Amino acid sequence: MGKRKEISNWGRYPRIEKKESLFDNIPVLDGFLSDADTLIARGMGRCYGDSSLGENIINTASFNRFLAFDDKEGVIECESGVTLDEILQVVVPKGWFIPVTPGTKFVTVGGAIASDIHGKNHHIDGSFSRHVLSLQIKCSDGTTYHCTPTDHADLFSATCGGMGLTGIILSAKIRLKKIATAYIRQKQLKAPSLDKLLELFNIYQDYTYSVAWVDCLSKGKSFGRGILMLGEHAEEQEVKPGVDTLKVHKTPKFNIPFNFPSLVLNKLTIRLFNTLYYLKNLREEQDSVVHYDGFFYPLDNINNWNRMYGKRGFFQYQFVLPLDKLDLLKEVMLLIAKNNKASFLSVLKVFGEQDGVLSFPMKGYTLALDIPYDPHLDQFLDQLDLMISEGGGRFYLAKDARMKKETFWQTYQQADKFLEIVNKYNPGSSFSSLQSQRLGITS
């Protein structure tokens, strides 16, 4: 195994000193499996908490070859260390796109499957796993399973959203989405209140892509004000003449080279940012045609943007509540505003039905907050945890760094089924993370 070093994921909390080893072929991986009592896979480290941190970490970044691409049928097969960024560079010029994408393209295919990532189109297209045709998974005894939704279906379903606890994902075959251009026909709608924002979600529910920025610090009549952003893939005639209609994204130009001082982010500066962001849209409705990079991945244009939160890092707090719990959603947001728990980026989306056994999305509304780390924050978040869990909601494991064991087992109703599958294919908790130990999934 590799040497011990300080490692953290994108939220930069927690920071630990553990072993991390790279592999680029199966024999090397087999050696790691035989040498380590427990291990966990890690890709680009873009999950926010401790789900890919453990005593022995296997980094998949060098296991990143493309295996096949049928540009007629739109099916691509690659090793688990390939990133969405790399896939886009290959498939966009051929008129294809990733069927479901999160807010960053710098995640591996293995991480996308293990987290069962969702995007702005979950209410229409579901999670990433819905578009995975097959997987190759290596379990702790060295056996490699070929899994599909019908072949070793239990292992397939548990792996999608299983946070790496079922084994090492070696490769995946994915069905892509056909596009005419690399551009998005975007509509932005300004909502002066949360009630109006939720009304707009309902009115425009047939749009493929929808996401809202929400001002979680606004109070009174402007409580929950925001901007709803809708999108559809643009046709050729909608793009300006002379433009390369299948242009791939550029390499990020900007970089934050150092940690911001912690005093930079406070409730006053974040409140000012929220106000300016809301006011930037001068009209109530704006239509434009934009490149996919700006629509899906605005923060990817700034390398190391997580350094804005300083050395202490931040919590990404994301939960989902059922559709019939809108009053509870408002209650939670009112509590956030009342306590001035500042967030630059508060994002509201609507989900469709759940996919994998341990997948996070359920039919309802999800809110994601970036909250600067504060050792006194736990008490407030524990209060929110209780409200949300008692209301039938749950929390995204790929962004969790602090959830209590009791909360997990209360909110993930299929956790017992998931554990049965894990024990079937990987007895003895061979794949284990700091998160899985904290939540009582593994010992």
Protein backbone atom coordinates (compact mmCIF):
# COMPACT_ATOMS: atom_id res chain seq x y z
CA MET A 1 0.00 0.00 0.00
CA GLY A 2 1.00 3.63 -0.38
CA LYS A 3 2.50 6.02 2.13
CA ARG A 4 0.47 7.92 4.70
CA LYS A 5 -0.39 11.50 3.78
CA GLU A 6 -2.93 14.17 4.65
CA ILE A 7 -6.10 13.74 2.60
CA SER A 8 -9.45 15.51 2.49
CA ASN A 9 -12.30 15.66 0.02
CA TRP A 10 -13.86 18.75 -1.55
CA GLY A 11 -15.40 20.14 1.64
CA ARG A 12 -11.92 19.95 3.22
CA TYR A 13 -13.46 18.49 6.36
CA PRO A 14 -12.43 16.14 7.81
CA ARG A 15 -8.69 16.15 7.09
CA ILE A 16 -6.98 12.87 7.90
CA GLU A 17 -3.60 11.21 7.52
CA LYS A 18 -4.09 7.85 5.80
CA LYS A 19 -2.63 5.64 3.08
CA GLU A 20 -3.61 6.18 -0.57
CA SER A 21 -2.43 3.95 -3.42
CA LEU A 22 -2.82 4.25 -7.18
CA PHE A 23 -3.34 1.33 -9.56
CA ASP A 24 -3.48 1.17 -13.34
CA ASN A 25 -3.92 -2.56 -13.87
CA ILE A 26 -5.77 -5.49 -12.32
CA PRO A 27 -2.74 -7.40 -10.92
CA VAL A 28 -1.71 -4.36 -8.85
CA LEU A 29 -5.27 -4.00 -7.59
CA ASP A 30 -5.36 -7.70 -6.69
CA GLY A 31 -2.23 -7.17 -4.63
CA PHE A 32 -3.89 -4.36 -2.68
CA LEU A 33 -6.96 -6.51 -2.07
CA SER A 34 -4.88 -9.32 -0.63
CA ASP A 35 -2.69 -7.06 1.51
CA ALA A 36 -5.27 -4.80 3.19
CA ASP A 37 -7.89 -5.82 5.75
CA THR A 38 -10.18 -2.97 4.65
CA LEU A 39 -10.06 -0.42 1.86
CA ILE A 40 -12.21 2.11 0.01
CA ALA A 41 -12.05 3.48 -3.54
CA ARG A 42 -11.52 7.18 -4.22
CA GLY A 43 -11.49 9.04 -7.50
CA MET A 44 -11.14 12.81 -7.86
CA GLY A 45 -12.11 13.50 -4.26
CA ARG A 46 -15.11 15.62 -5.27
CA CYS A 47 -17.46 14.10 -2.71
CA TYR A 48 -17.65 16.54 0.17
CA GLY A 49 -17.30 14.51 3.35
CA ASP A 50 -15.66 11.24 4.39
CA SER A 51 -17.38 8.65 2.18
CA SER A 52 -14.17 7.95 0.20
CA LEU A 53 -11.81 8.20 3.17
CA GLY A 54 -10.62 5.16 5.09
CA GLU A 55 -7.62 3.41 6.58
CA ASN A 56 -6.47 2.25 3.14
CA ILE A 57 -7.57 4.25 0.10
CA ILE A 58 -7.40 2.92 -3.46
CA ASN A 59 -7.27 5.78 -5.95
CA THR A 60 -8.77 4.93 -9.35
CA ALA A 61 -7.53 8.03 -11.21
CA SER A 62 -4.88 6.09 -13.18
CA PHE A 63 -7.31 3.33 -14.16
CA ASN A 64 -8.75 5.50 -16.90
CA ARG A 65 -8.82 3.98 -20.35
CA PHE A 66 -11.67 4.22 -22.85
CA LEU A 67 -12.69 0.71 -23.91
CA ALA A 68 -15.29 1.34 -26.63
CA PHE A 69 -17.44 4.09 -28.14
CA ASP A 70 -20.29 3.41 -30.54
CA ASP A 71 -20.95 6.90 -31.88
CA LYS A 72 -23.89 5.63 -33.94
CA GLU A 73 -25.84 4.17 -31.02
CA GLY A 74 -24.46 6.49 -28.33
CA VAL A 75 -22.95 3.89 -26.01
CA ILE A 76 -19.57 4.37 -24.35
CA GLU A 77 -17.56 1.94 -22.21
CA CYS A 78 -14.65 3.01 -20.04
CA GLU A 79 -12.69 2.20 -16.91
CA SER A 80 -13.87 3.68 -13.65
CA GLY A 81 -11.14 6.32 -13.38
CA VAL A 82 -12.28 8.16 -16.53
CA THR A 83 -13.81 11.53 -15.66
CA LEU A 84 -16.97 13.12 -17.04
CA ASP A 85 -14.70 15.89 -18.31
CA GLU A 86 -12.81 13.36 -20.44
CA ILE A 87 -16.03 11.77 -21.70
CA LEU A 88 -17.42 15.12 -22.81
CA GLN A 89 -14.28 15.82 -24.83
CA VAL A 90 -14.79 12.57 -26.71
CA VAL A 91 -18.56 12.45 -27.20
CA VAL A 92 -19.70 16.07 -27.67
CA PRO A 93 -18.01 16.48 -31.11
CA LYS A 94 -19.92 13.35 -32.18
CA GLY A 95 -23.29 14.79 -31.08
CA TRP A 96 -23.71 13.07 -27.72
CA PHE A 97 -23.90 14.20 -24.10
CA ILE A 98 -23.79 12.69 -20.63
CA PRO A 99 -27.36 11.66 -19.74
CA VAL A 100 -27.19 12.87 -16.13
CA THR A 101 -24.52 15.20 -14.79
CA PRO A 102 -23.88 16.88 -11.43
CA GLY A 103 -22.62 20.43 -10.98
CA THR A 104 -19.02 19.45 -11.75
CA LYS A 105 -17.54 17.44 -14.61
CA PHE A 106 -14.42 16.63 -12.58
CA VAL A 107 -15.75 13.38 -11.14
CA THR A 108 -14.90 9.84 -12.17
CA VAL A 109 -17.35 7.37 -13.65
CA GLY A 110 -16.79 5.14 -10.64
CA GLY A 111 -17.59 7.99 -8.28
CA ALA A 112 -20.65 8.95 -10.32
CA ILE A 113 -22.01 5.41 -9.99
CA ALA A 114 -21.06 4.92 -6.34
CA SER A 115 -22.82 8.21 -5.47
CA ASP A 116 -25.58 7.61 -8.04
CA ILE A 117 -25.25 11.25 -8.99
CA HIS A 118 -28.28 13.31 -9.95
CA GLY A 119 -28.59 16.46 -11.97
CA LYS A 120 -30.99 19.18 -13.02
CA ASN A 121 -33.06 16.58 -14.92
CA HIS A 122 -33.79 14.00 -12.24
CA HIS A 123 -37.54 14.58 -12.44
CA ILE A 124 -37.35 13.59 -16.12
CA ASP A 125 -34.37 11.25 -16.53
CA GLY A 126 -33.65 9.90 -13.05
CA SER A 127 -30.20 9.26 -11.61
CA PHE A 128 -26.99 8.33 -13.41
CA SER A 129 -27.54 4.62 -12.74
CA ARG A 130 -30.68 4.60 -14.88
CA HIS A 131 -28.42 5.04 -17.92
CA VAL A 132 -25.75 2.51 -16.92
CA LEU A 133 -26.13 -0.61 -19.06
CA SER A 134 -23.57 -2.77 -17.29
CA LEU A 135 -20.79 -2.77 -14.68
CA GLN A 136 -17.69 -4.79 -13.94
CA ILE A 137 -17.21 -5.00 -10.15
CA LYS A 138 -14.36 -6.68 -8.28
CA CYS A 139 -15.33 -7.95 -4.84
CA SER A 140 -13.14 -8.66 -1.84
CA ASP A 141 -12.43 -12.33 -2.69
CA GLY A 142 -11.07 -11.28 -6.08
CA THR A 143 -14.15 -12.32 -8.06
CA THR A 144 -15.17 -9.95 -10.85
CA TYR A 145 -18.91 -9.75 -11.53
CA HIS A 146 -20.54 -8.55 -14.73
CA CYS A 147 -23.66 -6.78 -13.51
CA THR A 148 -26.66 -5.38 -15.32
CA PRO A 149 -30.18 -4.43 -14.15
CA THR A 150 -31.08 -8.11 -14.78
CA ASP A 151 -27.79 -10.03 -14.27
CA HIS A 152 -26.61 -9.97 -10.63
CA ALA A 153 -29.28 -7.29 -10.32
CA ASP A 154 -28.96 -7.09 -6.55
CA LEU A 155 -25.27 -6.20 -6.76
CA PHE A 156 -25.94 -3.74 -9.58
CA SER A 157 -28.65 -1.92 -7.62
CA ALA A 158 -26.62 -1.83 -4.40
CA THR A 159 -23.51 -0.56 -6.19
CA CYS A 160 -25.42 2.39 -7.69
CA GLY A 161 -25.46 4.74 -4.71
CA GLY A 162 -23.63 2.24 -2.49
CA MET A 163 -20.70 4.60 -1.76
CA GLY A 164 -18.07 2.05 -2.76
CA LEU A 165 -19.07 -0.52 -0.15
CA THR A 166 -19.93 -3.32 -2.61
CA GLY A 167 -16.52 -3.51 -4.28
CA ILE A 168 -14.20 -1.78 -6.74
CA ILE A 169 -15.99 -0.65 -9.90
CA LEU A 170 -13.66 -1.57 -12.76
CA SER A 171 -15.61 -0.36 -15.77
CA ALA A 172 -19.04 0.71 -16.95
CA LYS A 173 -21.04 0.84 -20.17
CA ILE A 174 -23.22 3.95 -20.39
CA ARG A 175 -25.98 5.04 -22.75
CA LEU A 176 -25.53 8.68 -23.82
CA LYS A 177 -28.02 11.42 -24.74
CA LYS A 178 -28.27 12.57 -28.37
CA ILE A 179 -27.77 16.31 -28.94
CA ALA A 180 -27.79 18.55 -31.99
CA THR A 181 -25.49 21.19 -30.48
CA ALA A 182 -23.30 21.85 -27.44
CA TYR A 183 -25.61 24.70 -26.42
CA ILE A 184 -28.54 25.05 -24.06
CA ARG A 185 -31.67 27.12 -24.62
CA GLN A 186 -31.94 28.74 -21.20
CA LYS A 187 -34.82 30.52 -19.51
CA GLN A 188 -34.33 32.39 -16.23
CA LEU A 189 -37.32 33.38 -14.13
CA LYS A 190 -37.09 35.71 -11.15
CA ALA A 191 -39.26 34.80 -8.15
CA PRO A 192 -39.78 37.38 -5.36
CA SER A 193 -40.66 34.71 -2.77
CA LEU A 194 -40.43 30.99 -2.06
CA ASP A 195 -44.14 30.51 -2.76
CA LYS A 196 -43.71 32.04 -6.21
CA LEU A 197 -40.60 29.95 -6.83
CA LEU A 198 -42.42 26.71 -6.03
CA GLU A 199 -45.30 27.83 -8.24
CA LEU A 200 -42.85 28.33 -11.14
CA PHE A 201 -41.42 24.84 -10.60
CA ASN A 202 -44.94 23.44 -11.10
CA ILE A 203 -45.71 25.58 -14.14
CA TYR A 204 -42.47 24.59 -15.90
CA GLN A 205 -42.25 20.99 -14.69
CA ASP A 206 -42.01 19.63 -18.25
CA TYR A 207 -38.65 21.30 -18.88
CA THR A 208 -35.81 18.74 -19.07
CA TYR A 209 -33.50 20.77 -16.86
CA SER A 210 -34.55 22.88 -13.90
CA VAL A 211 -32.72 24.27 -10.89
CA ALA A 212 -33.19 27.29 -8.68
CA TRP A 213 -30.78 29.47 -6.78
CA VAL A 214 -32.44 30.48 -3.50
CA ASP A 215 -31.63 33.32 -1.13
CA CYS A 216 -31.84 31.45 2.17
CA LEU A 217 -31.04 34.56 4.20
CA SER A 218 -33.89 36.75 2.96
CA LYS A 219 -36.76 37.35 5.37
CA GLY A 220 -40.23 38.87 5.40
CA LYS A 221 -42.00 39.23 2.06
CA SER A 222 -38.83 38.27 0.18
CA PHE A 223 -38.31 35.05 2.15
CA GLY A 224 -37.01 32.32 -0.17
CA ARG A 225 -36.74 34.57 -3.20
CA GLY A 226 -34.73 33.11 -6.04
CA ILE A 227 -34.06 32.56 -9.71
CA LEU A 228 -35.36 29.47 -11.51
CA MET A 229 -33.10 28.36 -14.36
CA LEU A 230 -34.60 26.11 -17.04
CA GLY A 231 -32.93 24.49 -20.01
CA GLU A 232 -33.30 22.38 -23.13
CA HIS A 233 -30.62 21.26 -25.56
CA ALA A 234 -30.59 23.81 -28.39
CA GLU A 235 -31.12 22.93 -32.04
CA GLU A 236 -28.71 24.13 -34.75
CA GLN A 237 -30.97 26.94 -35.93
CA GLU A 238 -31.04 28.39 -32.41
CA VAL A 239 -27.26 28.91 -32.30
CA LYS A 240 -25.65 31.99 -33.85
CA PRO A 241 -24.43 31.48 -37.44
CA GLY A 242 -20.72 30.78 -37.73
CA VAL A 243 -20.45 29.24 -34.24
CA ASP A 244 -18.98 25.77 -33.81
CA THR A 245 -22.21 24.05 -32.78
CA LEU A 246 -20.44 21.08 -31.17
CA LYS A 247 -17.67 23.00 -29.40
CA VAL A 248 -16.17 21.31 -26.36
CA HIS A 249 -15.60 23.22 -23.11
CA LYS A 250 -12.32 25.00 -22.46
CA THR A 251 -9.75 24.37 -19.74
CA PRO A 252 -10.44 26.56 -16.66
CA LYS A 253 -8.47 29.83 -16.73
CA PHE A 254 -8.92 31.02 -13.18
CA ASN A 255 -7.46 29.58 -10.01
CA ILE A 256 -7.67 30.40 -6.32
CA PRO A 257 -4.06 29.82 -5.26
CA PHE A 258 -4.46 30.09 -1.49
CA ASN A 259 -6.96 29.69 1.32
CA PHE A 260 -9.10 32.74 1.96
CA PRO A 261 -8.95 34.11 5.51
CA SER A 262 -11.93 32.81 7.47
CA LEU A 263 -13.18 36.34 8.16
CA VAL A 264 -13.85 36.88 4.42
CA LEU A 265 -16.92 34.66 4.58
CA ASN A 266 -19.34 35.98 7.16
CA LYS A 267 -23.06 36.62 7.28
CA LEU A 268 -22.64 40.19 6.02
CA THR A 269 -20.56 39.35 2.92
CA ILE A 270 -22.74 36.36 2.10
CA ARG A 271 -25.92 38.41 2.54
CA LEU A 272 -24.46 41.02 0.18
CA PHE A 273 -23.59 38.33 -2.37
CA ASN A 274 -27.13 36.92 -2.19
CA THR A 275 -28.66 40.36 -2.71
CA LEU A 276 -26.44 41.16 -5.69
CA TYR A 277 -27.04 37.75 -7.25
CA TYR A 278 -30.79 38.22 -7.05
CA LEU A 279 -30.60 41.74 -8.50
CA LYS A 280 -28.33 40.75 -11.40
CA ASN A 281 -31.37 39.67 -13.41
CA LEU A 282 -32.93 43.01 -14.34
CA ARG A 283 -35.98 41.41 -15.96
CA GLU A 284 -38.39 38.89 -14.48
CA GLU A 285 -37.85 36.60 -17.46
CA GLN A 286 -34.69 36.23 -19.54
CA ASP A 287 -34.08 33.90 -22.49
CA SER A 288 -30.68 33.08 -23.95
CA VAL A 289 -28.64 30.38 -25.63
CA VAL A 290 -25.56 29.40 -23.61
CA HIS A 291 -22.83 26.79 -23.84
CA TYR A 292 -23.33 23.64 -21.77
CA ASP A 293 -20.24 24.45 -19.69
CA GLY A 294 -21.74 27.62 -18.25
CA PHE A 295 -25.16 26.05 -17.74
CA PHE A 296 -24.10 22.83 -16.02
CA TYR A 297 -20.66 23.63 -14.59
CA PRO A 298 -20.33 27.34 -13.68
CA LEU A 299 -17.98 26.70 -10.74
CA ASP A 300 -15.67 24.48 -12.80
CA ASN A 301 -14.32 27.64 -14.39
CA ILE A 302 -12.58 28.43 -11.09
CA ASN A 303 -9.96 25.90 -10.05
CA ASN A 304 -9.86 25.22 -6.30
CA TRP A 305 -12.94 27.32 -5.57
CA ASN A 306 -13.32 25.41 -2.31
CA ARG A 307 -10.39 27.45 -0.96
CA MET A 308 -12.79 30.38 -0.63
CA TYR A 309 -14.02 28.71 2.56
CA GLY A 310 -10.59 28.86 4.15
CA LYS A 311 -8.45 26.18 5.73
CA ARG A 312 -11.25 24.97 8.00
CA GLY A 313 -13.42 24.00 5.01
CA PHE A 314 -17.20 23.79 4.86
CA PHE A 315 -20.18 21.49 5.12
CA GLN A 316 -22.31 20.76 2.06
CA TYR A 317 -25.69 20.04 3.61
CA GLN A 318 -28.19 18.49 1.20
CA PHE A 319 -31.53 16.96 2.06
CA VAL A 320 -34.70 15.92 0.26
CA LEU A 321 -38.28 16.11 1.52
CA PRO A 322 -41.37 14.47 -0.01
CA LEU A 323 -43.61 16.63 -2.20
CA ASP A 324 -46.33 16.74 0.45
CA LYS A 325 -43.92 18.29 2.98
CA LEU A 326 -43.65 21.78 1.51
CA ASP A 327 -44.68 23.35 4.82
CA LEU A 328 -41.76 21.59 6.48
CA LEU A 329 -39.42 22.80 3.73
CA LYS A 330 -40.51 26.36 4.49
CA GLU A 331 -40.08 25.76 8.22
CA VAL A 332 -36.51 24.53 7.71
CA MET A 333 -35.65 27.46 5.47
CA LEU A 334 -37.16 29.92 7.96
CA LEU A 335 -34.97 28.44 10.67
CA ILE A 336 -31.89 28.83 8.45
CA ALA A 337 -32.75 32.49 7.80
CA LYS A 338 -33.54 33.17 11.45
CA ASN A 339 -30.18 31.74 12.57
CA ASN A 340 -28.23 33.44 9.77
CA LYS A 341 -26.62 30.18 8.71
CA ALA A 342 -25.07 31.71 5.67
CA SER A 343 -24.68 29.97 2.32
CA PHE A 344 -23.35 31.44 -0.90
CA LEU A 345 -24.92 28.71 -2.98
CA SER A 346 -28.32 27.48 -1.90
CA VAL A 347 -29.72 25.28 -4.65
CA LEU A 348 -33.28 23.95 -4.90
CA LYS A 349 -34.29 21.15 -7.29
CA VAL A 350 -37.17 18.75 -7.77
CA PHE A 351 -36.64 14.98 -7.86
CA GLY A 352 -38.48 12.09 -9.47
CA GLU A 353 -38.66 8.51 -8.24
CA GLN A 354 -35.77 6.72 -6.50
CA ASP A 355 -33.50 4.37 -8.48
CA GLY A 356 -30.90 2.26 -6.59
CA VAL A 357 -31.30 0.61 -3.18
CA LEU A 358 -29.30 3.32 -1.41
CA SER A 359 -29.84 6.15 -3.91
CA PHE A 360 -30.48 9.51 -2.33
CA PRO A 361 -33.23 11.02 -4.54
CA MET A 362 -36.91 10.44 -3.83
CA LYS A 363 -39.91 12.22 -5.28
CA GLY A 364 -39.77 15.64 -3.67
CA TYR A 365 -37.73 18.83 -3.31
CA THR A 366 -34.03 18.88 -2.45
CA LEU A 367 -32.11 21.81 -0.99
CA ALA A 368 -28.30 22.00 -0.91
CA LEU A 369 -26.38 24.50 1.22
CA ASP A 370 -22.68 25.37 1.47
CA ILE A 371 -22.04 26.33 5.11
CA PRO A 372 -18.56 27.40 6.34
CA TYR A 373 -17.24 25.01 8.96
CA ASP A 374 -17.88 26.05 12.53
CA PRO A 375 -17.25 23.71 15.49
CA HIS A 376 -20.48 25.05 17.03
CA LEU A 377 -22.57 24.30 13.93
CA ASP A 378 -23.41 20.73 14.88
CA GLN A 379 -26.11 21.66 17.38
CA PHE A 380 -28.01 23.66 14.76
CA LEU A 381 -27.66 20.97 12.09
CA ASP A 382 -28.75 18.30 14.58
CA GLN A 383 -31.96 20.31 14.99
CA LEU A 384 -32.46 20.35 11.21
CA ASP A 385 -31.63 16.62 11.01
CA LEU A 386 -34.41 15.83 13.46
CA MET A 387 -37.00 17.95 11.66
CA ILE A 388 -36.13 16.50 8.26
CA SER A 389 -35.88 12.85 9.34
CA GLU A 390 -39.17 13.01 11.22
CA GLY A 391 -40.72 14.56 8.11
CA GLY A 392 -39.78 11.57 5.93
CA GLY A 393 -36.72 13.15 4.35
CA ARG A 394 -33.10 12.06 4.10
CA PHE A 395 -29.57 13.33 3.46
CA TYR A 396 -27.13 12.85 0.57
CA LEU A 397 -24.34 10.47 1.58
CA ALA A 398 -21.91 11.88 -1.02
CA LYS A 399 -22.04 15.22 0.79
CA ASP A 400 -22.31 14.01 4.37
CA ALA A 401 -19.54 14.49 6.93
CA ARG A 402 -21.42 14.41 10.21
CA MET A 403 -24.73 12.51 10.10
CA LYS A 404 -25.50 10.37 13.13
CA LYS A 405 -25.97 6.61 12.87
CA GLU A 406 -29.57 6.77 14.11
CA THR A 407 -30.47 9.36 11.46
CA PHE A 408 -29.12 7.22 8.63
CA TRP A 409 -31.00 4.07 9.65
CA GLN A 410 -34.21 6.05 10.14
CA THR A 411 -34.08 7.84 6.80
CA TYR A 412 -32.74 5.17 4.42
CA GLN A 413 -35.58 2.68 4.54
CA GLN A 414 -33.78 0.07 2.39
CA ALA A 415 -30.56 0.13 4.43
CA ASP A 416 -31.19 -3.38 5.81
CA LYS A 417 -31.60 -4.73 2.27
CA PHE A 418 -28.43 -2.96 1.21
CA LEU A 419 -26.50 -4.48 4.11
CA GLU A 420 -27.70 -7.98 3.17
CA ILE A 421 -26.31 -7.52 -0.34
CA VAL A 422 -23.00 -6.17 0.95
CA ASN A 423 -22.63 -9.13 3.32
CA LYS A 424 -23.45 -11.53 0.48
CA TYR A 425 -20.70 -10.27 -1.84
CA ASN A 426 -18.21 -8.80 0.64
CA PRO A 427 -18.48 -10.51 4.01
CA GLY A 428 -16.40 -9.06 6.82
CA SER A 429 -16.70 -5.38 5.83
CA SER A 430 -13.73 -5.58 3.46
CA PHE A 431 -14.77 -2.29 1.88
CA SER A 432 -15.16 0.28 4.60
CA SER A 433 -14.95 4.06 4.90
CA LEU A 434 -14.92 6.53 7.75
CA GLN A 435 -18.50 7.32 6.83
CA SER A 436 -19.70 3.72 6.76
CA GLN A 437 -18.12 3.13 10.18
CA ARG A 438 -19.68 6.30 11.59
CA LEU A 439 -23.10 5.29 10.28
CA GLY A 440 -22.87 1.70 11.49
CA ILE A 441 -22.98 0.18 8.00
CA THR A 442 -19.59 -1.48 8.52
CA SER A 443 -17.68 -2.25 11.69
